[in-house]
Amino acid sequence: MARPVKCRKICCEADSICFVPLGIQPGKAAEVVMTLDEMEAVRLVDLEGKYHEAAAKSMGVSRQTLGNIVEAARRKMTDAIIKRKVLVIRGGEVEKKR
């Protein structure tokens, strides 16, 4: 039996975001759904340049869990870009930081 997912702390302002490739009509293309915690992990590691240990502490997860989240997020972003899919960012077990 799988362990329950811990609530992850994020700083994201939006509840959902959608990126659509040029020339593609939303609703007519395949979608890739990325969770808000995946976006937060990529933001901390790739945009802010934080080490995994610091990013994991900020999100309230282990370093290994953060690494798994980042890997999944990068895979989804790459899939959306290479295969011209709509990237939708929403959901996940998250708690917004104050």
Protein backbone atom coordinates (compact mmCIF):
# COMPACT_ATOMS: atom_id res chain seq x y z
CA MET A 1 0.00 0.00 0.00
CA ALA A 2 1.35 3.42 -0.99
CA ARG A 3 2.10 6.05 1.62
CA PRO A 4 -0.23 9.06 1.72
CA VAL A 5 1.09 12.19 0.02
CA LYS A 6 2.31 14.89 2.43
CA CYS A 7 0.97 18.38 1.98
CA ARG A 8 3.70 20.48 0.31
CA LYS A 9 4.31 24.17 0.95
CA ILE A 10 4.27 26.46 -2.08
CA CYS A 11 4.49 30.19 -2.84
CA CYS A 12 2.51 30.13 -6.10
CA GLU A 13 -0.05 32.86 -6.53
CA ALA A 14 -2.30 31.21 -9.15
CA ASP A 15 -4.60 28.24 -8.60
CA SER A 16 -4.19 27.13 -12.21
CA ILE A 17 -2.13 28.11 -15.24
CA CYS A 18 -2.32 26.99 -18.87
CA PHE A 19 0.33 27.22 -21.61
CA VAL A 20 -0.76 26.56 -25.19
CA PRO A 21 1.67 26.17 -28.12
CA LEU A 22 1.28 28.71 -30.95
CA GLY A 23 -1.14 27.51 -33.60
CA ILE A 24 -2.83 25.01 -31.27
CA GLN A 25 -6.42 25.53 -30.14
CA PRO A 26 -7.06 24.73 -26.48
CA GLY A 27 -9.36 21.75 -26.14
CA LYS A 28 -8.22 20.32 -29.48
CA ALA A 29 -4.77 19.18 -28.36
CA ALA A 30 -3.56 16.64 -25.82
CA GLU A 31 -2.90 18.00 -22.33
CA VAL A 32 -0.12 17.41 -19.85
CA VAL A 33 -1.10 18.21 -16.25
CA MET A 34 1.62 19.39 -13.89
CA THR A 35 0.76 19.90 -10.22
CA LEU A 36 1.40 23.13 -8.32
CA ASP A 37 4.02 21.43 -6.13
CA GLU A 38 5.90 20.30 -9.25
CA MET A 39 5.92 23.88 -10.52
CA GLU A 40 7.14 25.11 -7.11
CA ALA A 41 9.96 22.54 -7.05
CA VAL A 42 11.17 23.57 -10.52
CA ARG A 43 10.90 27.24 -9.55
CA LEU A 44 13.05 26.75 -6.46
CA VAL A 45 15.69 24.53 -8.10
CA ASP A 46 15.91 25.80 -11.70
CA LEU A 47 14.79 29.42 -11.48
CA GLU A 48 16.12 30.40 -8.04
CA GLY A 49 19.10 28.04 -8.21
CA LYS A 50 18.58 26.55 -4.74
CA TYR A 51 20.26 23.31 -3.78
CA HIS A 52 17.89 20.37 -3.40
CA GLU A 53 18.39 20.32 0.37
CA ALA A 54 17.30 23.97 0.78
CA ALA A 55 14.42 23.63 -1.68
CA ALA A 56 13.19 20.49 0.07
CA LYS A 57 13.25 22.25 3.45
CA SER A 58 11.31 25.17 1.99
CA MET A 59 8.61 22.80 0.69
CA GLY A 60 8.52 20.63 3.82
CA VAL A 61 9.61 17.40 2.09
CA SER A 62 12.72 15.22 2.04
CA ARG A 63 15.56 15.84 -0.40
CA GLN A 64 14.78 12.56 -2.18
CA THR A 65 11.11 13.50 -2.53
CA LEU A 66 12.06 16.90 -3.95
CA GLY A 67 14.33 15.18 -6.48
CA ASN A 68 11.46 12.92 -7.54
CA ILE A 69 9.11 15.90 -7.88
CA VAL A 70 11.63 17.87 -9.99
CA GLU A 71 12.25 14.87 -12.24
CA ALA A 72 8.52 14.35 -12.84
CA ALA A 73 8.00 18.07 -13.54
CA ARG A 74 10.86 18.24 -16.04
CA ARG A 75 9.56 15.14 -17.82
CA LYS A 76 6.09 16.73 -18.14
CA MET A 77 7.45 20.07 -19.39
CA THR A 78 9.63 18.33 -21.95
CA ASP A 79 6.71 16.19 -23.14
CA ALA A 80 4.53 19.28 -23.59
CA ILE A 81 7.22 21.22 -25.47
CA ILE A 82 8.50 18.44 -27.76
CA LYS A 83 5.08 16.98 -28.59
CA ARG A 84 3.29 20.38 -28.75
CA LYS A 85 0.81 19.58 -26.00
CA VAL A 86 -1.10 21.99 -23.79
CA LEU A 87 0.60 22.31 -20.38
CA VAL A 88 -1.89 22.77 -17.56
CA ILE A 89 -0.64 23.49 -14.04
CA ARG A 90 -3.12 22.83 -11.24
CA GLY A 91 -3.93 20.71 -8.21
CA GLY A 92 -1.80 18.61 -5.91
CA GLU A 93 -1.58 18.30 -2.15
CA VAL A 94 -0.38 21.82 -1.41
CA GLU A 95 -0.52 24.46 1.29
CA LYS A 96 0.26 28.07 0.40
CA LYS A 97 2.96 29.70 2.53
CA ARG A 98 2.08 32.88 4.31
